[in-house]
Protein backbone atom coordinates (compact mmCIF):
# COMPACT_ATOMS: atom_id res chain seq x y z
CA MET A 1 8.50 -3.98 2.49
CA SER A 2 7.62 -4.26 -1.20
CA ASP A 3 10.50 -6.69 -1.73
CA MET A 4 8.97 -8.85 0.99
CA LEU A 5 5.66 -8.98 -0.86
CA LEU A 6 7.46 -9.89 -4.07
CA SER A 7 9.12 -12.80 -2.31
CA LEU A 8 5.75 -14.03 -1.04
CA ALA A 9 3.74 -13.46 -4.21
CA ALA A 10 4.21 -16.97 -5.54
CA SER A 11 3.60 -18.76 -2.26
CA THR A 12 0.54 -17.32 -0.50
CA PRO A 13 -2.97 -16.91 -1.99
CA ALA A 14 -3.68 -13.74 0.02
CA VAL A 15 -0.64 -11.91 -1.32
CA ARG A 16 -1.32 -13.10 -4.86
CA SER A 17 -4.82 -11.66 -4.57
CA LEU A 18 -3.44 -8.35 -3.30
CA TYR A 19 -0.96 -8.23 -6.17
CA SER A 20 -3.78 -8.79 -8.62
CA GLN A 21 -5.60 -5.79 -7.14
CA VAL A 22 -2.41 -3.72 -7.28
CA ASP A 23 -1.94 -4.55 -10.97
CA ARG A 24 -5.49 -3.53 -11.79
CA ALA A 25 -5.13 -0.26 -9.88
CA ALA A 26 -1.79 0.54 -11.53
CA ARG A 27 -3.20 0.41 -15.05
CA SER A 28 -5.03 3.72 -14.75
CA ASP A 29 -4.99 7.03 -12.89
CA ALA A 30 -8.26 6.28 -11.12
CA LYS A 31 -8.52 7.14 -7.45
CA VAL A 32 -7.85 4.27 -5.03
CA LEU A 33 -9.18 3.72 -1.53
CA ILE A 34 -7.14 1.26 0.55
CA THR A 35 -8.82 -0.10 3.67
CA GLY A 36 -7.58 -2.35 6.44
CA GLU A 37 -6.70 -2.40 10.11
CA SER A 38 -3.69 -0.53 11.45
CA GLY A 39 -0.44 -2.30 10.71
CA THR A 40 -1.65 -4.26 7.67
CA GLY A 41 0.58 -2.39 5.21
CA LYS A 42 -1.70 0.17 3.54
CA GLU A 43 1.17 2.53 2.73
CA VAL A 44 3.10 -0.39 1.23
CA MET A 45 0.15 -1.05 -1.08
CA ALA A 46 0.06 2.62 -2.10
CA ARG A 47 3.77 2.56 -2.92
CA LEU A 48 3.38 -0.61 -4.96
CA ILE A 49 0.55 0.91 -6.99
CA HIS A 50 2.66 4.01 -7.65
CA GLU A 51 5.80 2.03 -8.52
CA ARG A 52 3.91 -0.12 -11.04
CA SER A 53 2.00 2.77 -12.62
CA GLN A 54 2.97 5.14 -15.42
CA ARG A 55 3.72 7.77 -12.77
CA ARG A 56 6.58 5.75 -11.25
CA THR A 57 9.21 8.17 -12.60
CA SER A 58 7.55 11.01 -10.65
CA GLN A 59 7.32 11.57 -6.93
CA LEU A 60 5.09 9.79 -4.43
CA THR A 61 4.12 12.31 -1.76
CA THR A 62 2.52 11.19 1.51
CA ILE A 63 0.53 12.99 4.18
CA ASN A 64 -1.05 11.62 7.36
CA CYS A 65 -4.38 13.36 7.86
CA ALA A 66 -4.64 12.10 11.45
CA GLY A 67 -1.25 13.53 12.47
CA ILE A 68 -1.99 17.14 11.49
CA PRO A 69 -4.45 19.41 13.31
CA ASP A 70 -7.36 20.55 11.17
CA SER A 71 -6.18 24.15 11.41
CA LEU A 72 -2.92 23.19 9.65
CA LEU A 73 -4.13 20.52 7.25
CA GLU A 74 -5.51 23.01 4.72
CA SER A 75 -2.20 24.86 4.45
CA GLU A 76 -0.31 21.54 4.24
CA LEU A 77 -2.46 20.43 1.31
CA PHE A 78 -2.84 23.68 -0.62
CA GLY A 79 0.11 25.77 0.58
CA TYR A 80 0.02 29.45 1.55
CA ARG A 81 1.30 32.89 0.62
CA ARG A 82 3.46 35.10 2.78
CA GLY A 83 1.42 37.12 5.24
CA SER A 84 -1.68 34.94 4.96
CA PHE A 85 -1.54 34.24 8.71
CA THR A 86 0.73 34.89 11.67
CA GLY A 87 4.03 33.12 11.11
CA ALA A 88 3.68 32.87 7.32
CA VAL A 89 6.94 34.68 6.54
CA ARG A 90 7.37 33.21 3.07
CA ASP A 91 5.41 31.44 0.35
CA ARG A 92 5.14 27.70 0.73
CA GLN A 93 3.99 25.00 -1.64
CA GLY A 94 1.39 22.52 -0.48
CA VAL A 95 1.75 18.78 -0.95
CA LEU A 96 -0.75 18.81 -3.83
CA GLU A 97 1.47 21.18 -5.78
CA LYS A 98 4.60 19.23 -4.87
CA ALA A 99 2.95 16.04 -6.13
CA HIS A 100 2.21 17.53 -9.59
CA GLY A 101 2.75 14.81 -12.18
CA GLY A 102 2.99 12.14 -9.50
CA THR A 103 0.91 10.50 -6.78
CA LEU A 104 -0.39 11.78 -3.44
CA PHE A 105 -1.02 9.20 -0.72
CA MET A 106 -3.38 10.46 2.00
CA ASP A 107 -3.31 8.17 5.01
CA GLU A 108 -6.10 8.11 7.63
CA VAL A 109 -8.40 10.13 5.38
CA GLY A 110 -11.33 9.15 7.60
CA GLU A 111 -10.01 11.47 10.34
CA MET A 112 -10.59 14.63 8.30
CA SER A 113 -13.20 17.14 9.45
CA LEU A 114 -16.29 17.76 7.34
CA ARG A 115 -14.87 21.12 6.30
CA MET A 116 -11.65 19.56 5.03
CA GLN A 117 -13.64 16.83 3.33
CA GLY A 118 -15.45 19.55 1.39
CA LEU A 119 -12.18 21.17 0.32
CA LEU A 120 -10.75 17.82 -0.78
CA LEU A 121 -13.92 17.03 -2.72
CA ARG A 122 -13.67 20.33 -4.59
CA PHE A 123 -10.08 19.59 -5.57
CA LEU A 124 -10.98 16.10 -6.76
CA GLU A 125 -13.72 17.56 -8.94
CA THR A 126 -11.75 20.46 -10.40
CA GLY A 127 -8.06 19.58 -9.99
CA GLU A 128 -7.56 23.20 -8.91
CA ILE A 129 -5.58 24.46 -5.94
CA GLN A 130 -5.49 27.92 -4.44
CA PRO A 131 -2.97 28.58 -1.64
CA LEU A 132 -4.16 30.34 1.50
CA GLY A 133 -3.89 34.09 1.09
CA SER A 134 -3.64 33.96 -2.70
CA GLU A 135 -5.84 36.26 -4.76
CA ALA A 136 -4.71 34.84 -8.10
CA ALA A 137 -6.74 32.32 -10.07
CA GLY A 138 -6.29 28.77 -8.91
CA ARG A 139 -3.71 26.54 -10.57
CA HIS A 140 -4.56 23.13 -12.00
CA VAL A 141 -2.31 20.24 -10.99
CA ASP A 142 -2.09 16.70 -12.30
CA VAL A 143 -2.09 14.45 -9.24
CA ARG A 144 -3.29 10.91 -8.72
CA VAL A 145 -4.84 10.56 -5.26
CA ILE A 146 -4.60 7.33 -3.26
CA THR A 147 -6.24 7.31 0.16
CA ALA A 148 -6.26 4.89 3.06
CA THR A 149 -8.17 4.43 6.30
CA ASN A 150 -8.60 1.90 9.08
CA ARG A 151 -12.14 3.14 9.70
CA GLN A 152 -15.43 1.71 8.45
CA LEU A 153 -16.31 4.65 6.19
CA GLU A 154 -19.74 3.19 5.40
CA GLN A 155 -20.64 3.56 9.08
CA ASP A 156 -19.22 7.10 9.14
CA VAL A 157 -21.33 7.97 6.10
CA ALA A 158 -24.41 6.57 7.87
CA SER A 159 -23.63 8.69 10.95
CA GLN A 160 -23.00 11.72 8.70
CA SER A 161 -19.44 12.17 9.92
CA PHE A 162 -18.10 11.41 6.42
CA ARG A 163 -19.48 12.82 3.19
CA LEU A 164 -21.21 10.34 0.90
CA ASP A 165 -20.15 12.21 -2.26
CA LEU A 166 -16.51 12.20 -1.16
CA TYR A 167 -16.72 8.51 -0.27
CA TYR A 168 -17.76 7.60 -3.80
CA ARG A 169 -15.15 9.94 -5.28
CA LEU A 170 -12.38 8.20 -3.37
CA LYS A 171 -13.64 4.65 -3.88
CA VAL A 172 -13.27 4.33 -7.64
CA ILE A 173 -10.96 1.37 -7.00
CA HIS A 174 -11.12 -0.36 -3.62
CA VAL A 175 -8.22 -2.41 -2.25
CA HIS A 176 -8.93 -4.13 1.06
CA ILE A 177 -6.07 -5.69 3.03
CA PRO A 178 -7.34 -8.45 5.35
CA PRO A 179 -5.92 -8.58 8.89
CA LEU A 180 -3.10 -11.01 9.59
CA ARG A 181 -5.31 -13.22 11.77
CA GLN A 182 -7.31 -14.05 8.63
CA ARG A 183 -4.14 -15.01 6.74
CA PRO A 184 -2.42 -17.61 8.96
CA GLU A 185 -0.52 -19.00 5.96
CA ASP A 186 1.33 -15.66 5.66
CA ILE A 187 2.58 -15.51 9.25
CA VAL A 188 5.58 -17.84 9.10
CA PRO A 189 6.85 -16.65 5.67
CA LEU A 190 6.58 -13.03 6.83
CA LEU A 191 8.36 -13.77 10.10
CA ASP A 192 11.06 -15.65 8.24
CA HIS A 193 11.57 -12.68 5.90
CA PHE A 194 11.79 -10.14 8.72
CA MET A 195 14.13 -12.30 10.79
CA ALA A 196 16.47 -12.75 7.80
CA LYS A 197 16.63 -8.96 7.42
CA TYR A 198 17.33 -8.39 11.12
CA CYS A 199 19.90 -11.20 11.26
CA GLU A 200 21.74 -9.49 8.43
CA ARG A 201 21.51 -6.10 10.15
CA TYR A 202 22.67 -7.33 13.56
CA ARG A 203 25.07 -9.92 12.12
CA VAL A 204 23.73 -12.88 14.04
CA PRO A 205 23.00 -16.40 12.73
CA LYS A 206 19.46 -17.25 11.80
CA ARG A 207 17.55 -19.68 14.01
CA VAL A 208 14.84 -22.17 13.15
CA ILE A 209 11.37 -21.99 14.71
CA SER A 210 10.10 -25.01 16.63
CA ALA A 211 6.87 -26.67 15.51
CA GLU A 212 5.18 -25.68 18.78
CA ALA A 213 6.16 -22.03 18.28
CA ILE A 214 4.84 -22.08 14.70
CA GLU A 215 1.51 -23.39 15.92
CA CYS A 216 1.38 -20.69 18.59
CA LEU A 217 2.15 -17.98 16.02
CA ARG A 218 -0.64 -19.16 13.75
CA ASP A 219 -3.16 -19.31 16.60
CA TYR A 220 -2.33 -15.82 17.89
CA GLY A 221 -4.74 -12.96 17.06
CA TRP A 222 -2.12 -10.37 15.95
CA PRO A 223 -3.97 -7.18 16.93
CA GLY A 224 -1.05 -5.13 15.57
CA ASN A 225 -0.93 -7.10 12.31
CA ILE A 226 2.27 -7.02 10.21
CA ARG A 227 3.73 -4.12 12.20
CA GLN A 228 3.51 -6.22 15.36
CA LEU A 229 4.94 -9.27 13.60
CA LYS A 230 7.92 -7.22 12.45
CA ASN A 231 8.58 -6.08 16.02
CA VAL A 232 8.36 -9.68 17.22
CA ALA A 233 10.93 -10.70 14.60
CA GLU A 234 13.36 -8.01 15.70
CA ARG A 235 13.04 -8.95 19.35
CA LEU A 236 13.63 -12.64 18.59
CA VAL A 237 16.82 -11.70 16.74
CA VAL A 238 18.10 -9.16 19.27
CA CYS A 239 17.38 -11.43 22.25
CA ALA A 240 18.63 -14.55 20.48
CA GLU A 241 19.41 -17.68 22.48
CA ASP A 242 20.83 -21.00 21.39
CA GLY A 243 18.77 -23.65 19.65
CA PRO A 244 15.35 -23.46 18.00
CA ILE A 245 12.91 -20.69 18.92
CA THR A 246 10.50 -21.98 21.56
CA VAL A 247 7.02 -20.89 22.60
CA GLU A 248 8.42 -19.38 25.80
CA GLU A 249 10.55 -16.95 23.77
CA LEU A 250 7.68 -15.54 21.73
CA PRO A 251 6.97 -11.96 22.91
CA LEU A 252 3.22 -12.19 22.40
CA ASP A 253 0.79 -10.30 24.58
CA SER A 254 -1.60 -12.73 26.22
CA HIS A 255 -3.55 -13.04 29.45
CA ASP A 256 -2.74 -15.80 31.88
CA PRO A 257 -6.06 -17.18 33.23
CA SER A 258 -4.46 -17.39 36.65
CA GLU A 259 -3.84 -13.61 36.74
CA THR A 260 -6.03 -11.53 39.01
CA HIS A 261 -8.07 -8.64 37.65
CA GLU A 262 -5.67 -6.16 39.26
CA GLU A 263 -2.66 -7.86 37.66
CA ARG A 264 -4.26 -7.69 34.22
CA VAL A 265 -5.11 -3.98 34.36
CA ALA A 266 -1.97 -2.83 36.18
CA PRO A 267 -0.12 -2.15 32.89
CA HIS A 268 -2.92 0.21 31.81
CA VAL A 269 -2.58 2.18 35.02
CA ALA A 270 1.22 2.32 34.71
CA ARG A 271 1.06 3.54 31.10
CA ALA A 272 -1.54 6.18 31.97
CA ASP A 273 0.56 7.43 34.88
CA ALA A 274 3.70 7.65 32.74
CA LEU A 275 1.99 9.48 29.87
CA PHE A 276 0.22 11.88 32.22
CA GLU A 277 3.57 12.67 33.82
CA ARG A 278 5.09 13.36 30.40
CA MET A 279 2.36 15.87 29.62
CA ILE A 280 2.25 17.56 33.03
CA ASN A 281 5.98 17.80 33.75
CA GLY A 282 7.52 17.07 30.36
CA GLY A 283 5.45 19.56 28.38
CA GLU A 284 4.40 17.05 25.69
CA SER A 285 1.08 17.61 23.97
CA PHE A 286 -1.77 15.11 24.04
CA TRP A 287 -1.47 14.68 20.26
CA LEU A 288 2.14 13.55 20.54
CA ALA A 289 2.08 11.57 23.78
CA VAL A 290 -1.35 9.89 23.53
CA TYR A 291 -3.11 10.39 20.19
CA GLY A 292 -0.24 9.22 17.97
CA PRO A 293 0.45 5.96 19.89
CA PHE A 294 -3.30 5.28 20.14
CA MET A 295 -3.78 5.58 16.37
CA LEU A 296 -0.86 3.17 15.93
CA ARG A 297 -2.59 0.80 18.39
CA ASP A 298 0.24 1.04 20.89
CA LEU A 299 -2.35 2.29 23.42
CA THR A 300 -5.83 0.98 24.14
CA ARG A 301 -9.11 2.73 24.88
CA ASP A 302 -8.66 1.81 28.54
CA ASP A 303 -5.32 3.67 28.55
CA VAL A 304 -6.91 6.77 27.04
CA ARG A 305 -9.89 6.65 29.42
CA LEU A 306 -7.56 6.55 32.42
CA ILE A 307 -5.61 9.52 31.07
CA VAL A 308 -8.83 11.48 30.48
CA ARG A 309 -9.94 10.62 34.00
CA LYS A 310 -6.70 12.04 35.38
CA GLY A 311 -7.20 15.16 33.27
CA LEU A 312 -10.74 15.63 34.59
CA VAL A 313 -9.50 15.31 38.17
CA GLN A 314 -6.79 17.89 37.45
CA SER A 315 -9.21 20.29 35.72
CA HIS A 316 -12.14 19.70 38.14
CA GLY A 317 -14.32 18.37 35.35
CA ASN A 318 -13.62 21.14 32.82
CA TYR A 319 -12.73 19.80 29.36
CA MET A 320 -11.72 23.27 28.12
CA ARG A 321 -9.29 23.64 31.01
CA MET A 322 -8.00 20.13 30.26
CA LEU A 323 -6.62 21.44 26.95
CA GLN A 324 -4.12 23.55 28.87
CA THR A 325 -3.29 20.61 31.13
CA PHE A 326 -2.57 18.46 28.07
CA ASN A 327 -0.61 21.24 26.29
CA MET A 328 -3.11 21.83 23.48
CA PRO A 329 -4.23 25.19 22.06
CA ALA A 330 -7.82 26.28 22.68
CA ASP A 331 -8.57 25.86 18.97
CA ASP A 332 -8.16 22.09 19.40
CA TYR A 333 -11.21 21.84 21.70
CA LYS A 334 -13.62 20.53 19.05
CA ARG A 335 -11.06 18.15 17.55
CA PHE A 336 -10.21 16.79 21.02
CA LEU A 337 -13.85 16.10 21.93
CA ASN A 338 -14.58 14.59 18.52
CA PHE A 339 -11.66 12.21 18.98
CA LEU A 340 -12.87 11.15 22.44
CA ARG A 341 -16.46 10.62 21.26
CA LYS A 342 -15.44 8.74 18.13
CA HIS A 343 -13.39 6.24 20.13
CA GLN A 344 -15.73 5.99 23.14
CA CYS A 345 -13.20 7.63 25.47
CA GLN A 346 -15.23 10.63 26.65
CA LEU A 347 -16.20 10.56 30.32
CA SER A 348 -18.94 12.52 32.03
CA PHE A 349 -17.53 15.68 33.61
CA GLN A 350 -20.19 15.92 36.35
CA PRO A 351 -18.66 13.50 38.91
CA PHE A 352 -15.46 15.56 38.87
CA ARG A 353 -17.09 18.90 39.67
CA SER A 354 -16.53 20.07 43.24
CA ASP A 355 -20.25 20.12 44.03
CA THR A 356 -20.81 16.51 42.90
CA PRO A 357 -19.92 13.43 44.95
CA SER A 358 -16.79 11.88 43.49
CA ARG A 359 -17.23 8.66 41.60
CA ILE A 360 -15.74 7.17 38.48
CA PRO A 361 -17.82 7.61 35.31
CA GLN A 362 -18.38 4.56 33.15
CA PRO A 363 -19.46 5.34 29.59
CA ILE A 364 -18.63 1.74 28.72
CA GLU A 365 -18.01 -1.15 31.09
CA THR A 366 -14.28 -1.95 30.94
CA PRO A 367 -11.79 -3.76 33.19
CA THR A 368 -9.89 -0.52 33.74
CA SER A 369 -12.96 1.45 34.73
CA ARG A 370 -13.82 -1.23 37.29
CA LEU A 371 -10.31 -1.03 38.73
CA ALA A 372 -10.55 2.75 38.86
CA GLU A 373 -13.74 2.45 40.92
CA ALA A 374 -11.98 0.19 43.37
CA GLU A 375 -9.31 2.82 43.92
């Protein structure tokens, strides 16, 4: 996507501003914190900073802190020695050691536990790594660290779920990527770029966009940001018709005012049913089937609440037993509850206990919870 940003750099103020921030960040080895909503291109920014820095001839290593359970994240970062734990049959380098001389990009750093935050802070202060199970003195590595998050870390610091000292360590240089809805002038050039790429891939002629469709694109909220826009471009190319692209062809999620409440929330119920089935009968874990898509904003809080409700019914109100239902190890109990609390998806277990009259808990008033009550 970096070539796309290069093509836009001379035409849109927002991208020119981002490029100015990238240039400033690339001049030194200072730590960089990239913030922005999901889908805005934080990893693209990290790659641009690396490619324009003096470390560009070395490797850029990436790790997604949200996609790795806390019990494994330490070994992924620092590595381990054979025999340090069950299944450690050989020595393994961690990503910090692999990134020696280059850059490490840590995505979703705001999802790290306080314990892992402490370990990361120590490394940032000393530059020293010690693999799990190693009794030798720690080794110093030369790594530039770039982090990214879609969370409001200032709020997490205030709630004491993110360390203040680590926050300031990471935020030496701050690059914020505004959401696409705040950059309407970028929408059409970006769509044009993506469609040109997909037309070349699928070998179809490029179509023009009608003035009405352009206006609709600029007025749309783009909750999925550039990632969503890219998907829209591919669908418009794959499902190409003759003539200019019209408003009716735009695959944008919107609510028809004439729809009933049940019609609006029906997709949430269908998604929850399908994902619950995948976990119960397909053996998929909650982290793969639900957590990953939710962090990518392919699922909503209403979807997750419905899935949790189904799990509480299945486990008779026992969150620990729900771990087995959702194919998670018992060690994930704290991480699971922290995730639910953080995203307002935890439901009260009491209504699902056998000695309590059944009703649907409502931690937050939502359309889906109201539909669930009606069931």
